Amino acid sequence: MSIPDTDLRLLVVAENLLARAGLAALLEARGFSVVGQSDGGDLKRAVGEGGVDALIVDLGWQSENLRQTLADWLGDIPILALVADDETEESLLALAGALAAYPGYAILPRESDPDAFASALYAIDFGLIVLDPGLRLLPVAPMDLQLMAEAIPLTPRENQVLQLLAQGMTNKAIALDLGITDHTVKFHVNAIMGKLGAQSRTEAVVRATQLGMIAL
């Protein structure tokens, strides 16, 4: 497969120094611009200093602190997360829920082909979601629904908007009900759709209902 050059500026993140160096070398060999490396200790600063377009994060080993950082930070750039082959279903669901707050994300095995890394980076740059089929994240088993729902970080206002969406209310009606502008409602609706991985308002409500997030 031929992969075109890209001008995406990447920050390589891994708690292990050798993992960072190896991943950076692989990406640079594929024609990507690696503008920095970080152990995740001060991720916000590292992103701000480098003019970063996307993160590629190795969560394969020594990654508990880094996973918590990603869940707490909620940055505004897309993330490609690499995980170990023996990742548990519970940890994958928690990771997917945390990354749903970002404007695009991918979860791939860390041993994936470099072409898969490149394709995923292009996709998340367009705000898409990429999940390797081998990870079996979808479909979600019924017993995992509550876990995933708890991992999706809706804000209190987003939850209010979600409940009104489920009632079939328009943006204008929601704005009047909550005392906010139509523009603000649209912003919240888009955020909700992104976090739920939905392509429409209806799909967002369906997914939220399946996850038990709608107050019936």
N, C-alpha and C. Protein backbone atom coordinates (compact mmCIF):
# COMPACT_ATOMS: atom_id res chain seq x y z
N MET A 1 0.85 -1.20 0.00
CA MET A 1 0.00 0.00 0.00
C MET A 1 0.88 1.25 0.00
N SER A 2 0.59 2.20 -0.85
CA SER A 2 1.36 3.43 -0.92
C SER A 2 0.70 4.50 -0.06
N ILE A 3 1.47 5.06 0.87
CA ILE A 3 0.96 6.09 1.78
C ILE A 3 1.57 7.43 1.39
N PRO A 4 0.74 8.44 1.11
CA PRO A 4 1.28 9.74 0.71
C PRO A 4 1.93 10.45 1.88
N ASP A 5 2.77 11.43 1.57
CA ASP A 5 3.39 12.24 2.61
C ASP A 5 2.31 13.02 3.34
N THR A 6 2.62 13.40 4.55
CA THR A 6 1.67 14.17 5.34
C THR A 6 2.39 15.30 6.04
N ASP A 7 1.71 16.40 6.24
CA ASP A 7 2.32 17.49 6.98
C ASP A 7 1.82 17.54 8.42
N LEU A 8 1.19 16.46 8.89
CA LEU A 8 0.75 16.40 10.28
C LEU A 8 1.95 16.49 11.22
N ARG A 9 1.83 17.33 12.23
CA ARG A 9 2.89 17.46 13.23
C ARG A 9 2.51 16.61 14.43
N LEU A 10 3.33 15.63 14.76
CA LEU A 10 2.99 14.63 15.76
C LEU A 10 3.84 14.78 17.02
N LEU A 11 3.20 14.53 18.15
CA LEU A 11 3.91 14.41 19.42
C LEU A 11 3.83 12.94 19.83
N VAL A 12 4.98 12.33 20.03
CA VAL A 12 5.04 10.93 20.45
C VAL A 12 5.07 10.89 21.98
N VAL A 13 4.15 10.12 22.54
CA VAL A 13 4.01 10.06 23.99
C VAL A 13 4.11 8.62 24.46
N ALA A 14 5.01 8.37 25.41
CA ALA A 14 5.14 7.05 26.04
C ALA A 14 5.94 7.24 27.31
N GLU A 15 5.59 6.49 28.34
CA GLU A 15 6.34 6.62 29.59
C GLU A 15 7.72 5.99 29.48
N ASN A 16 7.89 5.05 28.56
CA ASN A 16 9.17 4.37 28.39
C ASN A 16 10.00 5.07 27.32
N LEU A 17 11.24 5.41 27.64
CA LEU A 17 12.11 6.16 26.73
C LEU A 17 12.37 5.41 25.43
N LEU A 18 12.66 4.10 25.53
CA LEU A 18 12.94 3.32 24.33
C LEU A 18 11.71 3.23 23.42
N ALA A 19 10.53 3.12 24.03
CA ALA A 19 9.30 3.07 23.24
C ALA A 19 9.10 4.38 22.48
N ARG A 20 9.38 5.51 23.15
CA ARG A 20 9.26 6.82 22.48
C ARG A 20 10.20 6.92 21.30
N ALA A 21 11.45 6.56 21.52
CA ALA A 21 12.46 6.70 20.48
C ALA A 21 12.14 5.80 19.29
N GLY A 22 11.74 4.57 19.57
CA GLY A 22 11.43 3.64 18.48
C GLY A 22 10.24 4.09 17.67
N LEU A 23 9.21 4.57 18.34
CA LEU A 23 8.01 5.01 17.64
C LEU A 23 8.30 6.27 16.82
N ALA A 24 9.07 7.19 17.39
CA ALA A 24 9.42 8.41 16.65
C ALA A 24 10.20 8.07 15.38
N ALA A 25 11.14 7.14 15.50
CA ALA A 25 11.93 6.74 14.33
C ALA A 25 11.06 6.11 13.26
N LEU A 26 10.12 5.27 13.67
CA LEU A 26 9.22 4.62 12.71
C LEU A 26 8.38 5.65 11.97
N LEU A 27 7.84 6.62 12.70
CA LEU A 27 6.98 7.63 12.09
C LEU A 27 7.78 8.53 11.14
N GLU A 28 8.97 8.91 11.55
CA GLU A 28 9.79 9.76 10.69
C GLU A 28 10.18 9.02 9.41
N ALA A 29 10.39 7.71 9.52
CA ALA A 29 10.71 6.91 8.34
C ALA A 29 9.53 6.85 7.37
N ARG A 30 8.32 7.03 7.90
CA ARG A 30 7.12 7.04 7.05
C ARG A 30 6.83 8.43 6.49
N GLY A 31 7.66 9.42 6.82
CA GLY A 31 7.48 10.75 6.27
C GLY A 31 6.72 11.72 7.16
N PHE A 32 6.40 11.28 8.38
CA PHE A 32 5.70 12.17 9.30
C PHE A 32 6.66 13.12 9.99
N SER A 33 6.14 14.25 10.43
CA SER A 33 6.94 15.23 11.15
C SER A 33 6.72 15.04 12.65
N VAL A 34 7.72 14.51 13.34
CA VAL A 34 7.65 14.33 14.79
C VAL A 34 8.26 15.57 15.43
N VAL A 35 7.41 16.40 16.02
CA VAL A 35 7.88 17.68 16.56
C VAL A 35 8.29 17.58 18.02
N GLY A 36 8.06 16.44 18.64
CA GLY A 36 8.48 16.31 20.02
C GLY A 36 8.16 14.94 20.59
N GLN A 37 8.73 14.68 21.76
CA GLN A 37 8.47 13.44 22.49
C GLN A 37 8.20 13.81 23.95
N SER A 38 7.35 13.02 24.59
CA SER A 38 6.97 13.32 25.98
C SER A 38 6.68 12.03 26.72
N ASP A 39 6.96 12.05 28.03
CA ASP A 39 6.58 10.92 28.87
C ASP A 39 5.18 11.10 29.44
N GLY A 40 4.51 12.20 29.06
CA GLY A 40 3.15 12.47 29.52
C GLY A 40 3.09 13.21 30.82
N GLY A 41 4.24 13.53 31.41
CA GLY A 41 4.25 14.20 32.71
C GLY A 41 3.65 15.59 32.67
N ASP A 42 3.87 16.33 31.60
CA ASP A 42 3.28 17.66 31.43
C ASP A 42 2.78 17.75 30.00
N LEU A 43 1.75 17.00 29.72
CA LEU A 43 1.29 16.84 28.34
C LEU A 43 0.77 18.15 27.76
N LYS A 44 0.05 18.92 28.53
CA LYS A 44 -0.51 20.18 28.03
C LYS A 44 0.59 21.12 27.58
N ARG A 45 1.65 21.22 28.37
CA ARG A 45 2.76 22.10 28.01
C ARG A 45 3.46 21.59 26.76
N ALA A 46 3.69 20.27 26.69
CA ALA A 46 4.38 19.70 25.54
C ALA A 46 3.60 19.94 24.25
N VAL A 47 2.28 19.83 24.32
CA VAL A 47 1.44 20.07 23.14
C VAL A 47 1.51 21.54 22.74
N GLY A 48 1.42 22.43 23.72
CA GLY A 48 1.43 23.86 23.43
C GLY A 48 2.73 24.34 22.83
N GLU A 49 3.83 23.76 23.26
CA GLU A 49 5.14 24.20 22.77
C GLU A 49 5.43 23.72 21.36
N GLY A 50 4.85 22.59 20.98
CA GLY A 50 5.24 22.00 19.70
C GLY A 50 4.36 22.30 18.52
N GLY A 51 3.23 23.01 18.69
CA GLY A 51 2.32 23.23 17.59
C GLY A 51 1.83 21.91 17.05
N VAL A 52 1.36 21.05 17.94
CA VAL A 52 1.06 19.66 17.60
C VAL A 52 -0.32 19.52 16.97
N ASP A 53 -0.42 18.68 15.92
CA ASP A 53 -1.70 18.39 15.26
C ASP A 53 -2.35 17.13 15.80
N ALA A 54 -1.55 16.19 16.29
CA ALA A 54 -2.10 14.93 16.79
C ALA A 54 -1.10 14.28 17.73
N LEU A 55 -1.62 13.46 18.63
CA LEU A 55 -0.78 12.67 19.53
C LEU A 55 -0.78 11.22 19.09
N ILE A 56 0.35 10.56 19.22
CA ILE A 56 0.39 9.10 19.10
C ILE A 56 0.96 8.60 20.42
N VAL A 57 0.16 7.83 21.13
CA VAL A 57 0.44 7.49 22.52
C VAL A 57 0.60 5.98 22.66
N ASP A 58 1.74 5.56 23.16
CA ASP A 58 1.99 4.13 23.39
C ASP A 58 1.54 3.78 24.80
N LEU A 59 0.48 2.98 24.88
CA LEU A 59 -0.04 2.55 26.17
C LEU A 59 0.25 1.06 26.41
N GLY A 60 1.27 0.56 25.75
CA GLY A 60 1.55 -0.86 25.82
C GLY A 60 2.16 -1.32 27.13
N TRP A 61 2.89 -0.44 27.82
CA TRP A 61 3.51 -0.84 29.08
C TRP A 61 3.81 0.40 29.91
N GLN A 62 3.86 0.21 31.23
CA GLN A 62 4.12 1.31 32.17
C GLN A 62 3.23 2.51 31.87
N SER A 63 1.93 2.28 31.77
CA SER A 63 1.07 3.35 31.23
C SER A 63 -0.05 3.81 32.15
N GLU A 64 -0.08 3.36 33.40
CA GLU A 64 -1.22 3.72 34.25
C GLU A 64 -1.32 5.22 34.45
N ASN A 65 -0.21 5.88 34.73
CA ASN A 65 -0.24 7.34 34.92
C ASN A 65 -0.65 8.06 33.65
N LEU A 66 -0.17 7.56 32.52
CA LEU A 66 -0.48 8.18 31.23
C LEU A 66 -1.96 8.03 30.89
N ARG A 67 -2.54 6.88 31.18
CA ARG A 67 -3.96 6.67 30.93
C ARG A 67 -4.79 7.66 31.76
N GLN A 68 -4.39 7.87 32.99
CA GLN A 68 -5.12 8.81 33.84
C GLN A 68 -4.98 10.23 33.32
N THR A 69 -3.79 10.55 32.81
CA THR A 69 -3.57 11.88 32.24
C THR A 69 -4.50 12.13 31.07
N LEU A 70 -4.64 11.14 30.18
CA LEU A 70 -5.52 11.29 29.03
C LEU A 70 -6.97 11.45 29.45
N ALA A 71 -7.38 10.72 30.49
CA ALA A 71 -8.76 10.80 30.97
C ALA A 71 -9.05 12.15 31.61
N ASP A 72 -8.05 12.73 32.26
CA ASP A 72 -8.24 14.00 32.98
C ASP A 72 -8.06 15.23 32.10
N TRP A 73 -7.18 15.13 31.10
CA TRP A 73 -6.79 16.32 30.34
C TRP A 73 -7.88 16.79 29.40
N LEU A 74 -8.47 15.91 28.62
CA LEU A 74 -9.52 16.25 27.65
C LEU A 74 -9.05 17.36 26.71
N GLY A 75 -7.96 17.10 26.00
CA GLY A 75 -7.42 18.07 25.08
C GLY A 75 -8.25 18.22 23.82
N ASP A 76 -7.81 19.11 22.95
CA ASP A 76 -8.60 19.44 21.75
C ASP A 76 -7.92 18.98 20.48
N ILE A 77 -7.05 17.97 20.56
CA ILE A 77 -6.42 17.42 19.36
C ILE A 77 -6.66 15.91 19.33
N PRO A 78 -6.64 15.31 18.14
CA PRO A 78 -6.92 13.87 18.03
C PRO A 78 -5.79 13.02 18.59
N ILE A 79 -6.12 11.77 18.91
CA ILE A 79 -5.17 10.86 19.55
C ILE A 79 -5.21 9.49 18.88
N LEU A 80 -4.04 8.96 18.59
CA LEU A 80 -3.89 7.56 18.20
C LEU A 80 -3.27 6.83 19.38
N ALA A 81 -4.03 5.93 19.98
CA ALA A 81 -3.57 5.17 21.14
C ALA A 81 -3.17 3.76 20.70
N LEU A 82 -2.00 3.34 21.13
CA LEU A 82 -1.50 2.01 20.83
C LEU A 82 -1.54 1.17 22.10
N VAL A 83 -2.12 -0.03 22.00
CA VAL A 83 -2.30 -0.86 23.18
C VAL A 83 -1.66 -2.23 22.97
N ALA A 84 -1.41 -2.93 24.07
CA ALA A 84 -0.80 -4.25 24.02
C ALA A 84 -1.83 -5.29 23.58
N ASP A 85 -1.32 -6.41 23.08
CA ASP A 85 -2.21 -7.48 22.61
C ASP A 85 -3.02 -8.09 23.75
N ASP A 86 -2.49 -8.04 24.97
CA ASP A 86 -3.19 -8.66 26.10
C ASP A 86 -4.06 -7.68 26.87
N GLU A 87 -4.39 -6.56 26.25
CA GLU A 87 -5.26 -5.56 26.89
C GLU A 87 -6.60 -6.20 27.25
N THR A 88 -7.09 -5.95 28.47
CA THR A 88 -8.36 -6.52 28.88
C THR A 88 -9.51 -5.74 28.26
N GLU A 89 -10.65 -6.41 28.13
CA GLU A 89 -11.83 -5.75 27.57
C GLU A 89 -12.26 -4.57 28.44
N GLU A 90 -12.15 -4.74 29.75
CA GLU A 90 -12.55 -3.66 30.67
C GLU A 90 -11.69 -2.42 30.47
N SER A 91 -10.38 -2.61 30.35
CA SER A 91 -9.50 -1.45 30.18
C SER A 91 -9.69 -0.81 28.81
N LEU A 92 -9.99 -1.62 27.78
CA LEU A 92 -10.26 -1.06 26.45
C LEU A 92 -11.51 -0.20 26.45
N LEU A 93 -12.55 -0.67 27.14
CA LEU A 93 -13.79 0.10 27.22
C LEU A 93 -13.56 1.41 27.95
N ALA A 94 -12.79 1.37 29.03
CA ALA A 94 -12.50 2.59 29.78
C ALA A 94 -11.69 3.56 28.92
N LEU A 95 -10.74 3.03 28.17
CA LEU A 95 -9.92 3.88 27.29
C LEU A 95 -10.78 4.52 26.20
N ALA A 96 -11.63 3.73 25.57
CA ALA A 96 -12.51 4.27 24.52
C ALA A 96 -13.41 5.37 25.09
N GLY A 97 -13.91 5.17 26.29
CA GLY A 97 -14.75 6.18 26.90
C GLY A 97 -14.00 7.47 27.16
N ALA A 98 -12.75 7.36 27.62
CA ALA A 98 -11.95 8.55 27.88
C ALA A 98 -11.61 9.29 26.59
N LEU A 99 -11.25 8.55 25.55
CA LEU A 99 -10.85 9.18 24.28
C LEU A 99 -12.04 9.75 23.52
N ALA A 100 -13.25 9.34 23.87
CA ALA A 100 -14.43 9.87 23.19
C ALA A 100 -14.59 11.37 23.37
N ALA A 101 -13.90 11.93 24.36
CA ALA A 101 -13.97 13.38 24.59
C ALA A 101 -13.08 14.17 23.63
N TYR A 102 -12.24 13.47 22.88
CA TYR A 102 -11.32 14.14 21.97
C TYR A 102 -11.95 14.27 20.57
N PRO A 103 -11.45 15.17 19.73
CA PRO A 103 -12.09 15.44 18.43
C PRO A 103 -11.84 14.37 17.37
N GLY A 104 -11.29 13.27 17.72
CA GLY A 104 -11.02 12.16 16.82
C GLY A 104 -10.04 11.24 17.53
N TYR A 105 -10.24 9.94 17.41
CA TYR A 105 -9.31 9.04 18.09
C TYR A 105 -9.27 7.69 17.40
N ALA A 106 -8.18 6.97 17.65
CA ALA A 106 -8.01 5.62 17.13
C ALA A 106 -7.38 4.76 18.22
N ILE A 107 -7.76 3.48 18.25
CA ILE A 107 -7.13 2.52 19.16
C ILE A 107 -6.67 1.34 18.31
N LEU A 108 -5.36 1.13 18.29
CA LEU A 108 -4.77 0.06 17.50
C LEU A 108 -3.81 -0.75 18.36
N PRO A 109 -3.61 -2.02 18.03
CA PRO A 109 -2.55 -2.79 18.71
C PRO A 109 -1.20 -2.15 18.40
N ARG A 110 -0.31 -2.15 19.36
CA ARG A 110 0.99 -1.48 19.17
C ARG A 110 1.85 -2.23 18.14
N GLU A 111 1.52 -3.47 17.82
CA GLU A 111 2.28 -4.24 16.82
C GLU A 111 1.67 -4.12 15.43
N SER A 112 0.76 -3.17 15.23
CA SER A 112 0.13 -3.00 13.92
C SER A 112 1.15 -2.60 12.86
N ASP A 113 0.78 -2.87 11.60
CA ASP A 113 1.61 -2.47 10.48
C ASP A 113 1.72 -0.94 10.44
N PRO A 114 2.88 -0.38 10.10
CA PRO A 114 3.02 1.08 10.00
C PRO A 114 1.99 1.73 9.09
N ASP A 115 1.56 1.03 8.03
CA ASP A 115 0.52 1.58 7.17
C ASP A 115 -0.77 1.82 7.94
N ALA A 116 -1.06 0.95 8.91
CA ALA A 116 -2.26 1.11 9.72
C ALA A 116 -2.14 2.36 10.58
N PHE A 117 -0.94 2.61 11.12
CA PHE A 117 -0.72 3.84 11.89
C PHE A 117 -1.01 5.06 11.01
N ALA A 118 -0.43 5.05 9.79
CA ALA A 118 -0.59 6.19 8.90
C ALA A 118 -2.06 6.41 8.54
N SER A 119 -2.76 5.35 8.17
CA SER A 119 -4.18 5.48 7.81
C SER A 119 -5.00 6.01 8.97
N ALA A 120 -4.70 5.51 10.17
CA ALA A 120 -5.44 5.96 11.36
C ALA A 120 -5.18 7.44 11.63
N LEU A 121 -3.96 7.88 11.44
CA LEU A 121 -3.63 9.29 11.67
C LEU A 121 -4.38 10.20 10.71
N TYR A 122 -4.47 9.79 9.43
CA TYR A 122 -5.24 10.59 8.47
C TYR A 122 -6.71 10.65 8.90
N ALA A 123 -7.23 9.51 9.35
CA ALA A 123 -8.65 9.44 9.71
C ALA A 123 -8.96 10.33 10.91
N ILE A 124 -8.16 10.24 11.96
CA ILE A 124 -8.47 11.02 13.16
C ILE A 124 -8.27 12.51 12.91
N ASP A 125 -7.40 12.85 11.95
CA ASP A 125 -7.22 14.26 11.61
C ASP A 125 -8.50 14.85 11.03
N PHE A 126 -9.37 14.00 10.48
CA PHE A 126 -10.66 14.43 9.95
C PHE A 126 -11.78 14.23 10.98
N GLY A 127 -11.40 13.94 12.22
CA GLY A 127 -12.40 13.80 13.28
C GLY A 127 -13.07 12.45 13.34
N LEU A 128 -12.50 11.45 12.67
CA LEU A 128 -13.10 10.12 12.64
C LEU A 128 -12.62 9.26 13.80
N ILE A 129 -13.29 8.12 13.99
CA ILE A 129 -12.94 7.16 15.02
C ILE A 129 -12.50 5.87 14.35
N VAL A 130 -11.37 5.33 14.77
CA VAL A 130 -10.84 4.10 14.20
C VAL A 130 -10.60 3.10 15.34
N LEU A 131 -11.24 1.94 15.25
CA LEU A 131 -11.06 0.89 16.25
C LEU A 131 -10.65 -0.39 15.53
N ASP A 132 -9.52 -0.95 15.87
CA ASP A 132 -9.08 -2.17 15.22
C ASP A 132 -10.07 -3.30 15.49
N PRO A 133 -10.54 -4.00 14.45
CA PRO A 133 -11.53 -5.06 14.64
C PRO A 133 -11.07 -6.15 15.60
N GLY A 134 -9.75 -6.41 15.62
CA GLY A 134 -9.24 -7.46 16.48
C GLY A 134 -9.38 -7.17 17.96
N LEU A 135 -9.61 -5.90 18.31
CA LEU A 135 -9.75 -5.55 19.72
C LEU A 135 -11.14 -5.88 20.25
N ARG A 136 -12.08 -6.13 19.33
CA ARG A 136 -13.44 -6.55 19.70
C ARG A 136 -14.12 -5.54 20.63
N LEU A 137 -13.91 -4.26 20.33
CA LEU A 137 -14.59 -3.22 21.10
C LEU A 137 -16.05 -3.09 20.71
N LEU A 138 -16.37 -3.45 19.47
CA LEU A 138 -17.75 -3.37 18.99
C LEU A 138 -18.13 -4.72 18.37
N PRO A 139 -19.35 -5.19 18.56
CA PRO A 139 -20.37 -4.55 19.39
C PRO A 139 -20.10 -4.73 20.87
N VAL A 140 -20.68 -3.87 21.66
CA VAL A 140 -20.50 -3.92 23.11
C VAL A 140 -21.44 -4.94 23.71
N ALA A 141 -20.91 -5.83 24.50
CA ALA A 141 -21.76 -6.81 25.15
C ALA A 141 -22.64 -6.13 26.18
N PRO A 142 -23.88 -6.62 26.42
CA PRO A 142 -24.79 -5.99 27.37
C PRO A 142 -24.18 -5.76 28.75
N MET A 143 -23.37 -6.70 29.22
CA MET A 143 -22.80 -6.56 30.56
C MET A 143 -21.80 -5.41 30.64
N ASP A 144 -21.32 -4.93 29.46
CA ASP A 144 -20.33 -3.85 29.44
C ASP A 144 -20.96 -2.48 29.26
N LEU A 145 -22.25 -2.40 29.02
CA LEU A 145 -22.88 -1.12 28.70
C LEU A 145 -22.75 -0.11 29.83
N GLN A 146 -22.99 -0.53 31.05
CA GLN A 146 -22.90 0.40 32.17
C GLN A 146 -21.48 0.92 32.33
N LEU A 147 -20.50 0.03 32.16
CA LEU A 147 -19.11 0.45 32.26
C LEU A 147 -18.78 1.51 31.22
N MET A 148 -19.20 1.30 29.96
CA MET A 148 -18.92 2.27 28.91
C MET A 148 -19.65 3.58 29.17
N ALA A 149 -20.90 3.52 29.63
CA ALA A 149 -21.67 4.72 29.90
C ALA A 149 -20.98 5.56 30.97
N GLU A 150 -20.47 4.90 32.00
CA GLU A 150 -19.80 5.62 33.08
C GLU A 150 -18.48 6.23 32.61
N ALA A 151 -17.89 5.64 31.54
CA ALA A 151 -16.60 6.13 31.05
C ALA A 151 -16.75 7.29 30.08
N ILE A 152 -17.96 7.55 29.56
CA ILE A 152 -18.17 8.66 28.63
C ILE A 152 -18.38 9.94 29.44
N PRO A 153 -17.45 10.88 29.36
CA PRO A 153 -17.45 12.04 30.25
C PRO A 153 -18.35 13.19 29.78
N LEU A 154 -19.67 13.01 29.81
CA LEU A 154 -20.57 14.12 29.50
C LEU A 154 -20.54 15.12 30.65
N THR A 155 -20.52 16.41 30.29
CA THR A 155 -20.64 17.43 31.32
C THR A 155 -22.09 17.51 31.78
N PRO A 156 -22.36 18.13 32.94
CA PRO A 156 -23.75 18.28 33.39
C PRO A 156 -24.64 18.96 32.35
N ARG A 157 -24.13 19.99 31.67
CA ARG A 157 -24.92 20.68 30.65
C ARG A 157 -25.17 19.77 29.45
N GLU A 158 -24.15 19.03 29.04
CA GLU A 158 -24.32 18.10 27.92
C GLU A 158 -25.37 17.05 28.26
N ASN A 159 -25.37 16.60 29.50
CA ASN A 159 -26.37 15.61 29.91
C ASN A 159 -27.78 16.21 29.85
N GLN A 160 -27.92 17.48 30.26
CA GLN A 160 -29.22 18.15 30.15
C GLN A 160 -29.68 18.20 28.70
N VAL A 161 -28.76 18.59 27.82
CA VAL A 161 -29.11 18.68 26.40
C VAL A 161 -29.47 17.30 25.86
N LEU A 162 -28.74 16.27 26.26
CA LEU A 162 -29.02 14.91 25.81
C LEU A 162 -30.43 14.48 26.20
N GLN A 163 -30.84 14.76 27.43
CA GLN A 163 -32.17 14.37 27.88
C GLN A 163 -33.26 15.06 27.06
N LEU A 164 -33.02 16.33 26.70
CA LEU A 164 -34.01 17.06 25.89
C LEU A 164 -34.00 16.60 24.44
N LEU A 165 -32.82 16.21 23.94
CA LEU A 165 -32.76 15.63 22.60
C LEU A 165 -33.61 14.37 22.53
N ALA A 166 -33.56 13.58 23.60
CA ALA A 166 -34.32 12.33 23.64
C ALA A 166 -35.82 12.58 23.62
N GLN A 167 -36.23 13.80 23.99
CA GLN A 167 -37.64 14.16 23.95
C GLN A 167 -38.05 14.69 22.58
N GLY A 168 -37.11 14.72 21.64
CA GLY A 168 -37.40 15.17 20.29
C GLY A 168 -37.41 16.68 20.12
N MET A 169 -36.84 17.41 21.08
CA MET A 169 -36.85 18.87 21.02
C MET A 169 -35.82 19.38 20.02
N THR A 170 -36.14 20.47 19.34
CA THR A 170 -35.22 21.11 18.41
C THR A 170 -34.18 21.92 19.18
N ASN A 171 -33.13 22.34 18.48
CA ASN A 171 -32.11 23.17 19.12
C ASN A 171 -32.72 24.44 19.71
N LYS A 172 -33.65 25.05 18.95
CA LYS A 172 -34.26 26.29 19.42
C LYS A 172 -35.08 26.06 20.69
N ALA A 173 -35.81 24.95 20.71
CA ALA A 173 -36.63 24.63 21.89
C ALA A 173 -35.74 24.34 23.10
N ILE A 174 -34.64 23.64 22.86
CA ILE A 174 -33.70 23.34 23.95
C ILE A 174 -33.09 24.63 24.48
N ALA A 175 -32.74 25.54 23.56
CA ALA A 175 -32.16 26.82 23.97
C ALA A 175 -33.12 27.59 24.86
N LEU A 176 -34.39 27.63 24.48
CA LEU A 176 -35.40 28.34 25.28
C LEU A 176 -35.57 27.68 26.64
N ASP A 177 -35.58 26.35 26.65
CA ASP A 177 -35.79 25.62 27.90
C ASP A 177 -34.63 25.83 28.88
N LEU A 178 -33.40 25.88 28.35
CA LEU A 178 -32.23 26.00 29.22
C LEU A 178 -31.74 27.44 29.39
N GLY A 179 -32.32 28.36 28.64
CA GLY A 179 -31.92 29.76 28.76
C GLY A 179 -30.55 30.04 28.17
N ILE A 180 -30.20 29.33 27.08
CA ILE A 180 -28.93 29.54 26.41
C ILE A 180 -29.19 29.80 24.92
N THR A 181 -28.15 30.11 24.17
CA THR A 181 -28.33 30.44 22.76
C THR A 181 -28.41 29.20 21.89
N ASP A 182 -28.97 29.35 20.68
CA ASP A 182 -29.01 28.25 19.72
C ASP A 182 -27.59 27.76 19.40
N HIS A 183 -26.66 28.71 19.29
CA HIS A 183 -25.28 28.36 18.96
C HIS A 183 -24.67 27.47 20.05
N THR A 184 -24.95 27.80 21.30
CA THR A 184 -24.42 27.00 22.41
C THR A 184 -25.02 25.60 22.40
N VAL A 185 -26.30 25.50 22.08
CA VAL A 185 -26.94 24.19 22.00
C VAL A 185 -26.28 23.36 20.90
N LYS A 186 -26.05 23.98 19.74
CA LYS A 186 -25.41 23.27 18.63
C LYS A 186 -24.03 22.76 19.03
N PHE A 187 -23.30 23.58 19.78
CA PHE A 187 -21.97 23.18 20.27
C PHE A 187 -22.08 21.94 21.16
N HIS A 188 -23.06 21.96 22.08
CA HIS A 188 -23.23 20.82 22.99
C HIS A 188 -23.68 19.57 22.24
N VAL A 189 -24.55 19.74 21.26
CA VAL A 189 -25.03 18.59 20.48
C VAL A 189 -23.87 17.94 19.74
N ASN A 190 -23.03 18.77 19.13
CA ASN A 190 -21.87 18.23 18.41
C ASN A 190 -20.92 17.50 19.37
N ALA A 191 -20.75 18.06 20.57
CA ALA A 191 -19.88 17.42 21.56
C ALA A 191 -20.45 16.06 21.98
N ILE A 192 -21.76 16.02 22.18
CA ILE A 192 -22.42 14.77 22.58
C ILE A 192 -22.25 13.71 21.48
N MET A 193 -22.48 14.11 20.23
CA MET A 193 -22.34 13.18 19.11
C MET A 193 -20.91 12.64 19.02
N GLY A 194 -19.94 13.53 19.24
CA GLY A 194 -18.55 13.10 19.18
C GLY A 194 -18.21 12.10 20.28
N LYS A 195 -18.66 12.38 21.48
CA LYS A 195 -18.35 11.49 22.61
C LYS A 195 -19.02 10.13 22.48
N LEU A 196 -20.19 10.12 21.83
CA LEU A 196 -20.91 8.86 21.65
C LEU A 196 -20.54 8.16 20.34
N GLY A 197 -19.70 8.82 19.52
CA GLY A 197 -19.32 8.24 18.24
C GLY A 197 -20.50 8.14 17.29
N ALA A 198 -21.42 9.11 17.37
CA ALA A 198 -22.63 9.09 16.55
C ALA A 198 -22.50 10.08 15.38
N GLN A 199 -23.18 9.76 14.28
CA GLN A 199 -23.14 10.61 13.09
C GLN A 199 -24.36 11.51 12.97
N SER A 200 -25.35 11.33 13.84
CA SER A 200 -26.55 12.15 13.80
C SER A 200 -27.15 12.27 15.20
N ARG A 201 -28.08 13.20 15.35
CA ARG A 201 -28.76 13.37 16.63
C ARG A 201 -29.51 12.09 17.01
N THR A 202 -30.18 11.52 16.01
CA THR A 202 -30.95 10.30 16.27
C THR A 202 -30.06 9.16 16.73
N GLU A 203 -28.92 8.99 16.05
CA GLU A 203 -28.00 7.92 16.44
C GLU A 203 -27.45 8.16 17.84
N ALA A 204 -27.21 9.43 18.18
CA ALA A 204 -26.71 9.74 19.52
C ALA A 204 -27.72 9.33 20.58
N VAL A 205 -28.99 9.62 20.32
CA VAL A 205 -30.04 9.26 21.29
C VAL A 205 -30.17 7.74 21.39
N VAL A 206 -30.10 7.07 20.24
CA VAL A 206 -30.20 5.60 20.25
C VAL A 206 -29.06 5.00 21.07
N ARG A 207 -27.83 5.46 20.82
CA ARG A 207 -26.69 4.91 21.55
C ARG A 207 -26.78 5.23 23.04
N ALA A 208 -27.19 6.45 23.36
CA ALA A 208 -27.32 6.82 24.76
C ALA A 208 -28.39 5.99 25.46
N THR A 209 -29.46 5.71 24.74
CA THR A 209 -30.52 4.87 25.31
C THR A 209 -30.02 3.46 25.56
N GLN A 210 -29.26 2.93 24.60
CA GLN A 210 -28.71 1.58 24.76
C GLN A 210 -27.76 1.50 25.95
N LEU A 211 -27.07 2.61 26.21
CA LEU A 211 -26.11 2.65 27.32
C LEU A 211 -26.76 3.02 28.65
N GLY A 212 -28.06 3.25 28.63
CA GLY A 212 -28.76 3.59 29.86
C GLY A 212 -28.52 5.01 30.33
N MET A 213 -28.15 5.90 29.39
CA MET A 213 -27.85 7.29 29.76
C MET A 213 -29.05 8.20 29.66
N ILE A 214 -30.16 7.69 29.11
CA ILE A 214 -31.38 8.49 28.99
C ILE A 214 -32.31 8.19 30.17
N ALA A 215 -32.79 9.24 30.81
CA ALA A 215 -33.71 9.07 31.93
C ALA A 215 -35.12 8.84 31.39
N LEU A 216 -35.52 7.57 31.36
CA LEU A 216 -36.85 7.23 30.79
C LEU A 216 -37.93 7.32 31.85
